[in-house]
PDB file of N, CA and C in Angstrom:
ATOM      1  N   MET A   1     -38.382  49.489  42.502  1.00  0.00           N
ATOM      2  CA  MET A   1     -39.030  49.329  43.777  1.00  0.00           C
ATOM      3  C   MET A   1     -38.450  48.225  44.495  1.00  0.00           C
ATOM      4  N   GLN A   2     -38.235  48.456  45.753  1.00  0.00           N
ATOM      5  CA  GLN A   2     -37.592  47.467  46.651  1.00  0.00           C
ATOM      6  C   GLN A   2     -38.442  47.401  47.987  1.00  0.00           C
ATOM      7  N   GLY A   3     -38.105  46.402  48.781  1.00  0.00           N
ATOM      8  CA  GLY A   3     -38.716  46.245  50.118  1.00  0.00           C
ATOM      9  C   GLY A   3     -38.971  44.772  50.436  1.00  0.00           C
ATOM     10  N   ASP A   4     -39.275  44.502  51.668  1.00  0.00           N
ATOM     11  CA  ASP A   4     -39.542  43.151  52.109  1.00  0.00           C
ATOM     12  C   ASP A   4     -40.854  42.644  51.428  1.00  0.00           C
ATOM     13  N   GLN A   5     -40.762  41.292  51.172  1.00  0.00           N
ATOM     14  CA  GLN A   5     -41.988  40.771  50.447  1.00  0.00           C
ATOM     15  C   GLN A   5     -42.388  39.455  51.220  1.00  0.00           C
ATOM     16  N   LEU A   6     -43.708  39.203  51.056  1.00  0.00           N
ATOM     17  CA  LEU A   6     -44.251  37.992  51.592  1.00  0.00           C
ATOM     18  C   LEU A   6     -43.728  36.813  50.719  1.00  0.00           C
ATOM     19  N   LYS A   7     -43.712  35.630  51.222  1.00  0.00           N
ATOM     20  CA  LYS A   7     -43.210  34.504  50.354  1.00  0.00           C
ATOM     21  C   LYS A   7     -44.231  33.950  49.389  1.00  0.00           C
ATOM     22  N   THR A   8     -45.559  34.299  49.699  1.00  0.00           N
ATOM     23  CA  THR A   8     -46.614  33.866  48.900  1.00  0.00           C
ATOM     24  C   THR A   8     -47.595  35.018  48.679  1.00  0.00           C
ATOM     25  N   ALA A   9     -48.635  34.808  47.939  1.00  0.00           N
ATOM     26  CA  ALA A   9     -49.653  35.871  47.707  1.00  0.00           C
ATOM     27  C   ALA A   9     -50.275  36.280  49.028  1.00  0.00           C
ATOM     28  N   PRO A  10     -50.646  37.510  49.271  1.00  0.00           N
ATOM     29  CA  PRO A  10     -51.270  37.790  50.524  1.00  0.00           C
ATOM     30  C   PRO A  10     -52.687  37.199  50.667  1.00  0.00           C
ATOM     31  N   SER A  11     -53.152  37.031  51.828  1.00  0.00           N
ATOM     32  CA  SER A  11     -54.428  36.366  52.108  1.00  0.00           C
ATOM     33  C   SER A  11     -55.468  37.160  51.283  1.00  0.00           C
ATOM     34  N   GLY A  12     -56.354  36.318  50.643  1.00  0.00           N
ATOM     35  CA  GLY A  12     -57.498  36.823  49.953  1.00  0.00           C
ATOM     36  C   GLY A  12     -57.087  37.043  48.428  1.00  0.00           C
ATOM     37  N   TYR A  13     -55.924  36.847  48.101  1.00  0.00           N
ATOM     38  CA  TYR A  13     -55.598  37.015  46.697  1.00  0.00           C
ATOM     39  C   TYR A  13     -55.049  35.648  46.084  1.00  0.00           C
ATOM     40  N   PRO A  14     -55.490  35.314  44.864  1.00  0.00           N
ATOM     41  CA  PRO A  14     -55.028  34.048  44.336  1.00  0.00           C
ATOM     42  C   PRO A  14     -53.507  34.157  43.973  1.00  0.00           C
ATOM     43  N   LYS A  15     -52.846  33.014  43.969  1.00  0.00           N
ATOM     44  CA  LYS A  15     -51.414  32.919  43.631  1.00  0.00           C
ATOM     45  C   LYS A  15     -51.062  33.418  42.236  1.00  0.00           C
ATOM     46  N   ASP A  16     -52.108  33.322  41.303  1.00  0.00           N
ATOM     47  CA  ASP A  16     -51.883  33.628  39.899  1.00  0.00           C
ATOM     48  C   ASP A  16     -52.405  35.055  39.606  1.00  0.00           C
ATOM     49  N   HIS A  17     -52.573  35.849  40.635  1.00  0.00           N
ATOM     50  CA  HIS A  17     -53.118  37.203  40.425  1.00  0.00           C
ATOM     51  C   HIS A  17     -52.096  37.947  39.516  1.00  0.00           C
ATOM     52  N   PRO A  18     -52.538  38.689  38.526  1.00  0.00           N
ATOM     53  CA  PRO A  18     -51.643  39.386  37.600  1.00  0.00           C
ATOM     54  C   PRO A  18     -50.660  40.343  38.333  1.00  0.00           C
ATOM     55  N   ALA A  19     -50.986  40.929  39.480  1.00  0.00           N
ATOM     56  CA  ALA A  19     -50.111  41.826  40.122  1.00  0.00           C
ATOM     57  C   ALA A  19     -49.571  41.245  41.467  1.00  0.00           C
ATOM     58  N   VAL A  20     -49.430  39.944  41.439  1.00  0.00           N
ATOM     59  CA  VAL A  20     -48.975  39.245  42.728  1.00  0.00           C
ATOM     60  C   VAL A  20     -47.602  39.693  43.101  1.00  0.00           C
ATOM     61  N   GLU A  21     -46.763  39.986  42.244  1.00  0.00           N
ATOM     62  CA  GLU A  21     -45.365  40.470  42.519  1.00  0.00           C
ATOM     63  C   GLU A  21     -45.397  41.829  43.314  1.00  0.00           C
ATOM     64  N   ILE A  22     -46.320  42.660  43.022  1.00  0.00           N
ATOM     65  CA  ILE A  22     -46.491  43.991  43.769  1.00  0.00           C
ATOM     66  C   ILE A  22     -47.207  43.690  45.072  1.00  0.00           C
ATOM     67  N   LEU A  23     -48.329  42.910  44.950  1.00  0.00           N
ATOM     68  CA  LEU A  23     -49.107  42.576  46.180  1.00  0.00           C
ATOM     69  C   LEU A  23     -48.238  41.909  47.296  1.00  0.00           C
ATOM     70  N   ARG A  24     -47.181  41.332  46.899  1.00  0.00           N
ATOM     71  CA  ARG A  24     -46.396  40.527  48.000  1.00  0.00           C
ATOM     72  C   ARG A  24     -45.529  41.518  48.871  1.00  0.00           C
ATOM     73  N   TYR A  25     -45.352  42.822  48.341  1.00  0.00           N
ATOM     74  CA  TYR A  25     -44.521  43.762  49.081  1.00  0.00           C
ATOM     75  C   TYR A  25     -45.141  44.039  50.410  1.00  0.00           C
ATOM     76  N   LYS A  26     -44.382  44.198  51.546  1.00  0.00           N
ATOM     77  CA  LYS A  26     -44.810  44.620  52.764  1.00  0.00           C
ATOM     78  C   LYS A  26     -44.379  46.091  53.061  1.00  0.00           C
ATOM     79  N   GLN A  27     -43.492  46.506  52.170  1.00  0.00           N
ATOM     80  CA  GLN A  27     -43.039  47.881  52.360  1.00  0.00           C
ATOM     81  C   GLN A  27     -42.657  48.336  50.894  1.00  0.00           C
ATOM     82  N   PHE A  28     -42.642  49.616  50.666  1.00  0.00           N
ATOM     83  CA  PHE A  28     -42.254  50.036  49.363  1.00  0.00           C
ATOM     84  C   PHE A  28     -41.151  51.087  49.406  1.00  0.00           C
ATOM     85  N   ILE A  29     -40.042  50.801  48.753  1.00  0.00           N
ATOM     86  CA  ILE A  29     -38.842  51.645  48.807  1.00  0.00           C
ATOM     87  C   ILE A  29     -38.492  51.953  47.356  1.00  0.00           C
ATOM     88  N   PHE A  30     -38.389  53.153  47.085  1.00  0.00           N
ATOM     89  CA  PHE A  30     -37.949  53.630  45.725  1.00  0.00           C
ATOM     90  C   PHE A  30     -36.694  54.256  45.841  1.00  0.00           C
ATOM     91  N   ARG A  31     -35.723  53.914  45.009  1.00  0.00           N
ATOM     92  CA  ARG A  31     -34.360  54.473  45.039  1.00  0.00           C
ATOM     93  C   ARG A  31     -33.968  54.800  43.659  1.00  0.00           C
ATOM     94  N   ARG A  32     -33.286  55.954  43.535  1.00  0.00           N
ATOM     95  CA  ARG A  32     -32.637  56.310  42.253  1.00  0.00           C
ATOM     96  C   ARG A  32     -31.342  56.827  42.590  1.00  0.00           C
ATOM     97  N   PHE A  33     -30.293  56.169  42.128  1.00  0.00           N
ATOM     98  CA  PHE A  33     -28.858  56.607  42.437  1.00  0.00           C
ATOM     99  C   PHE A  33     -28.378  57.582  41.355  1.00  0.00           C
ATOM    100  N   PHE A  34     -27.704  58.545  41.816  1.00  0.00           N
ATOM    101  CA  PHE A  34     -27.112  59.612  40.916  1.00  0.00           C
ATOM    102  C   PHE A  34     -25.667  59.499  41.098  1.00  0.00           C
ATOM    103  N   THR A  35     -24.908  59.644  39.960  1.00  0.00           N
ATOM    104  CA  THR A  35     -23.491  59.671  40.018  1.00  0.00           C
ATOM    105  C   THR A  35     -23.057  61.029  40.526  1.00  0.00           C
ATOM    106  N   ASP A  36     -21.709  61.136  40.855  1.00  0.00           N
ATOM    107  CA  ASP A  36     -21.258  62.401  41.262  1.00  0.00           C
ATOM    108  C   ASP A  36     -21.408  63.472  40.122  1.00  0.00           C
ATOM    109  N   ALA A  37     -21.150  62.916  38.936  1.00  0.00           N
ATOM    110  CA  ALA A  37     -21.201  63.902  37.766  1.00  0.00           C
ATOM    111  C   ALA A  37     -22.637  64.365  37.581  1.00  0.00           C
ATOM    112  N   GLU A  38     -23.645  63.476  37.809  1.00  0.00           N
ATOM    113  CA  GLU A  38     -25.001  63.866  37.663  1.00  0.00           C
ATOM    114  C   GLU A  38     -25.393  64.919  38.743  1.00  0.00           C
ATOM    115  N   VAL A  39     -24.869  64.723  39.987  1.00  0.00           N
ATOM    116  CA  VAL A  39     -25.261  65.665  41.067  1.00  0.00           C
ATOM    117  C   VAL A  39     -24.601  67.001  40.715  1.00  0.00           C
ATOM    118  N   LEU A  40     -23.502  67.011  40.110  1.00  0.00           N
ATOM    119  CA  LEU A  40     -22.744  68.349  39.930  1.00  0.00           C
ATOM    120  C   LEU A  40     -23.186  68.900  38.654  1.00  0.00           C
ATOM    121  N   ALA A  41     -23.983  68.306  37.837  1.00  0.00           N
ATOM    122  CA  ALA A  41     -24.437  68.890  36.539  1.00  0.00           C
ATOM    123  C   ALA A  41     -25.452  69.994  36.732  1.00  0.00           C
ATOM    124  N   PRO A  42     -25.422  71.025  35.895  1.00  0.00           N
ATOM    125  CA  PRO A  42     -26.342  72.203  35.993  1.00  0.00           C
ATOM    126  C   PRO A  42     -27.795  71.721  35.938  1.00  0.00           C
ATOM    127  N   ASP A  43     -28.178  70.604  35.378  1.00  0.00           N
ATOM    128  CA  ASP A  43     -29.536  70.185  35.261  1.00  0.00           C
ATOM    129  C   ASP A  43     -29.935  69.133  36.336  1.00  0.00           C
ATOM    130  N   PHE A  44     -29.089  69.062  37.433  1.00  0.00           N
ATOM    131  CA  PHE A  44     -29.413  68.085  38.465  1.00  0.00           C
ATOM    132  C   PHE A  44     -30.851  68.249  39.070  1.00  0.00           C
ATOM    133  N   VAL A  45     -31.222  69.421  39.326  1.00  0.00           N
ATOM    134  CA  VAL A  45     -32.564  69.752  39.899  1.00  0.00           C
ATOM    135  C   VAL A  45     -33.645  69.162  38.994  1.00  0.00           C
ATOM    136  N   ILE A  46     -33.469  69.305  37.731  1.00  0.00           N
ATOM    137  CA  ILE A  46     -34.414  68.729  36.706  1.00  0.00           C
ATOM    138  C   ILE A  46     -34.455  67.304  36.837  1.00  0.00           C
ATOM    139  N   GLN A  47     -33.283  66.625  36.896  1.00  0.00           N
ATOM    140  CA  GLN A  47     -33.175  65.181  36.904  1.00  0.00           C
ATOM    141  C   GLN A  47     -33.833  64.611  38.218  1.00  0.00           C
ATOM    142  N   ALA A  48     -33.487  65.343  39.312  1.00  0.00           N
ATOM    143  CA  ALA A  48     -34.062  64.934  40.608  1.00  0.00           C
ATOM    144  C   ALA A  48     -35.628  64.985  40.702  1.00  0.00           C
ATOM    145  N   ASN A  49     -36.091  66.177  40.023  1.00  0.00           N
ATOM    146  CA  ASN A  49     -37.557  66.325  40.001  1.00  0.00           C
ATOM    147  C   ASN A  49     -38.203  65.273  39.125  1.00  0.00           C
ATOM    148  N   ALA A  50     -37.529  64.848  38.036  1.00  0.00           N
ATOM    149  CA  ALA A  50     -38.108  63.831  37.130  1.00  0.00           C
ATOM    150  C   ALA A  50     -38.213  62.537  37.991  1.00  0.00           C
ATOM    151  N   ALA A  51     -37.170  62.201  38.784  1.00  0.00           N
ATOM    152  CA  ALA A  51     -37.203  60.952  39.595  1.00  0.00           C
ATOM    153  C   ALA A  51     -38.439  60.970  40.565  1.00  0.00           C
ATOM    154  N   LEU A  52     -38.572  62.138  41.154  1.00  0.00           N
ATOM    155  CA  LEU A  52     -39.701  62.289  42.118  1.00  0.00           C
ATOM    156  C   LEU A  52     -41.029  62.187  41.409  1.00  0.00           C
ATOM    157  N   GLN A  53     -41.187  62.851  40.233  1.00  0.00           N
ATOM    158  CA  GLN A  53     -42.383  62.775  39.478  1.00  0.00           C
ATOM    159  C   GLN A  53     -42.740  61.390  39.077  1.00  0.00           C
ATOM    160  N   ALA A  54     -41.822  60.537  38.842  1.00  0.00           N
ATOM    161  CA  ALA A  54     -41.979  59.213  38.368  1.00  0.00           C
ATOM    162  C   ALA A  54     -42.718  58.330  39.409  1.00  0.00           C
ATOM    163  N   ILE A  55     -42.494  58.647  40.623  1.00  0.00           N
ATOM    164  CA  ILE A  55     -43.202  57.880  41.720  1.00  0.00           C
ATOM    165  C   ILE A  55     -44.442  58.573  42.249  1.00  0.00           C
ATOM    166  N   ARG A  56     -44.738  59.688  41.785  1.00  0.00           N
ATOM    167  CA  ARG A  56     -45.941  60.434  42.266  1.00  0.00           C
ATOM    168  C   ARG A  56     -47.218  59.746  42.030  1.00  0.00           C
ATOM    169  N   PRO A  57     -47.475  59.096  40.910  1.00  0.00           N
ATOM    170  CA  PRO A  57     -48.815  58.360  40.809  1.00  0.00           C
ATOM    171  C   PRO A  57     -48.967  57.302  41.871  1.00  0.00           C
ATOM    172  N   PHE A  58     -47.837  56.522  42.208  1.00  0.00           N
ATOM    173  CA  PHE A  58     -47.914  55.565  43.232  1.00  0.00           C
ATOM    174  C   PHE A  58     -48.229  56.184  44.545  1.00  0.00           C
ATOM    175  N   PHE A  59     -47.535  57.365  44.866  1.00  0.00           N
ATOM    176  CA  PHE A  59     -47.732  57.973  46.157  1.00  0.00           C
ATOM    177  C   PHE A  59     -49.192  58.513  46.237  1.00  0.00           C
ATOM    178  N   ASP A  60     -49.731  59.051  45.173  1.00  0.00           N
ATOM    179  CA  ASP A  60     -51.138  59.542  45.161  1.00  0.00           C
ATOM    180  C   ASP A  60     -52.086  58.397  45.417  1.00  0.00           C
ATOM    181  N   TYR A  61     -51.843  57.214  44.734  1.00  0.00           N
ATOM    182  CA  TYR A  61     -52.751  56.122  44.815  1.00  0.00           C
ATOM    183  C   TYR A  61     -52.775  55.556  46.306  1.00  0.00           C
ATOM    184  N   MET A  62     -51.606  55.412  46.807  1.00  0.00           N
ATOM    185  CA  MET A  62     -51.410  54.866  48.153  1.00  0.00           C
ATOM    186  C   MET A  62     -52.006  55.849  49.209  1.00  0.00           C
ATOM    187  N   SER A  63     -51.893  57.134  48.988  1.00  0.00           N
ATOM    188  CA  SER A  63     -52.452  58.093  49.883  1.00  0.00           C
ATOM    189  C   SER A  63     -53.992  57.950  49.883  1.00  0.00           C
ATOM    190  N   GLU A  64     -54.531  57.726  48.720  1.00  0.00           N
ATOM    191  CA  GLU A  64     -55.963  57.686  48.604  1.00  0.00           C
ATOM    192  C   GLU A  64     -56.474  56.356  49.306  1.00  0.00           C
ATOM    193  N   MET A  65     -55.800  55.273  49.026  1.00  0.00           N
ATOM    194  CA  MET A  65     -56.220  53.988  49.616  1.00  0.00           C
ATOM    195  C   MET A  65     -56.069  54.013  51.103  1.00  0.00           C
ATOM    196  N   LEU A  66     -55.009  54.597  51.614  1.00  0.00           N
ATOM    197  CA  LEU A  66     -54.872  54.580  53.108  1.00  0.00           C
ATOM    198  C   LEU A  66     -55.652  55.561  53.786  1.00  0.00           C
ATOM    199  N   THR A  67     -56.384  56.502  53.182  1.00  0.00           N
ATOM    200  CA  THR A  67     -57.266  57.475  53.763  1.00  0.00           C
ATOM    201  C   THR A  67     -58.682  57.282  53.446  1.00  0.00           C
ATOM    202  N   SER A  68     -59.065  56.019  52.930  1.00  0.00           N
ATOM    203  CA  SER A  68     -60.422  55.760  52.469  1.00  0.00           C
ATOM    204  C   SER A  68     -60.910  54.475  53.131  1.00  0.00           C
ATOM    205  N   ASP A  69     -62.241  54.367  53.369  1.00  0.00           N
ATOM    206  CA  ASP A  69     -62.722  53.137  53.957  1.00  0.00           C
ATOM    207  C   ASP A  69     -62.998  52.152  52.843  1.00  0.00           C
ATOM    208  N   ALA A  70     -63.481  50.941  53.133  1.00  0.00           N
ATOM    209  CA  ALA A  70     -63.697  49.896  52.093  1.00  0.00           C
ATOM    210  C   ALA A  70     -64.614  50.285  51.059  1.00  0.00           C
ATOM    211  N   ASN A  71     -65.529  51.385  51.219  1.00  0.00           N
ATOM    212  CA  ASN A  71     -66.389  51.835  50.307  1.00  0.00           C
ATOM    213  C   ASN A  71     -65.849  53.015  49.515  1.00  0.00           C
ATOM    214  N   GLY A  72     -64.599  53.380  49.770  1.00  0.00           N
ATOM    215  CA  GLY A  72     -64.069  54.496  48.998  1.00  0.00           C
ATOM    216  C   GLY A  72     -64.341  55.826  49.618  1.00  0.00           C
ATOM    217  N   VAL A  73     -64.989  55.869  50.755  1.00  0.00           N
ATOM    218  CA  VAL A  73     -65.348  57.147  51.454  1.00  0.00           C
ATOM    219  C   VAL A  73     -64.178  57.718  52.239  1.00  0.00           C
ATOM    220  N   SER A  74     -63.819  58.892  52.067  1.00  0.00           N
ATOM    221  CA  SER A  74     -62.586  59.502  52.732  1.00  0.00           C
ATOM    222  C   SER A  74     -62.715  59.417  54.172  1.00  0.00           C
ATOM    223  N   LEU A  75     -61.607  59.020  54.903  1.00  0.00           N
ATOM    224  CA  LEU A  75     -61.628  58.942  56.283  1.00  0.00           C
ATOM    225  C   LEU A  75     -61.208  60.374  56.912  1.00  0.00           C
ATOM    226  N   ILE A  76     -60.747  61.263  56.108  1.00  0.00           N
ATOM    227  CA  ILE A  76     -60.168  62.513  56.594  1.00  0.00           C
ATOM    228  C   ILE A  76     -61.128  63.652  56.146  1.00  0.00           C
TER     229      ILE A  76
END
């Protein structure tokens, strides 16, 4: 995971929070580099799918958080 980060813990979180490194992110960028040989391999689609499946839980969680109010009630 990559992206810009805050210099300190975000407002409302203690500096020693167990997930402070993730909480400091202002954006989330996931990258997976493939070699030319990997792209040309017969199983490339399987490898690309595995890379996308690896970030799916994060995507699902963020989608839920961004479409719910503070009480967990869906906004859509």
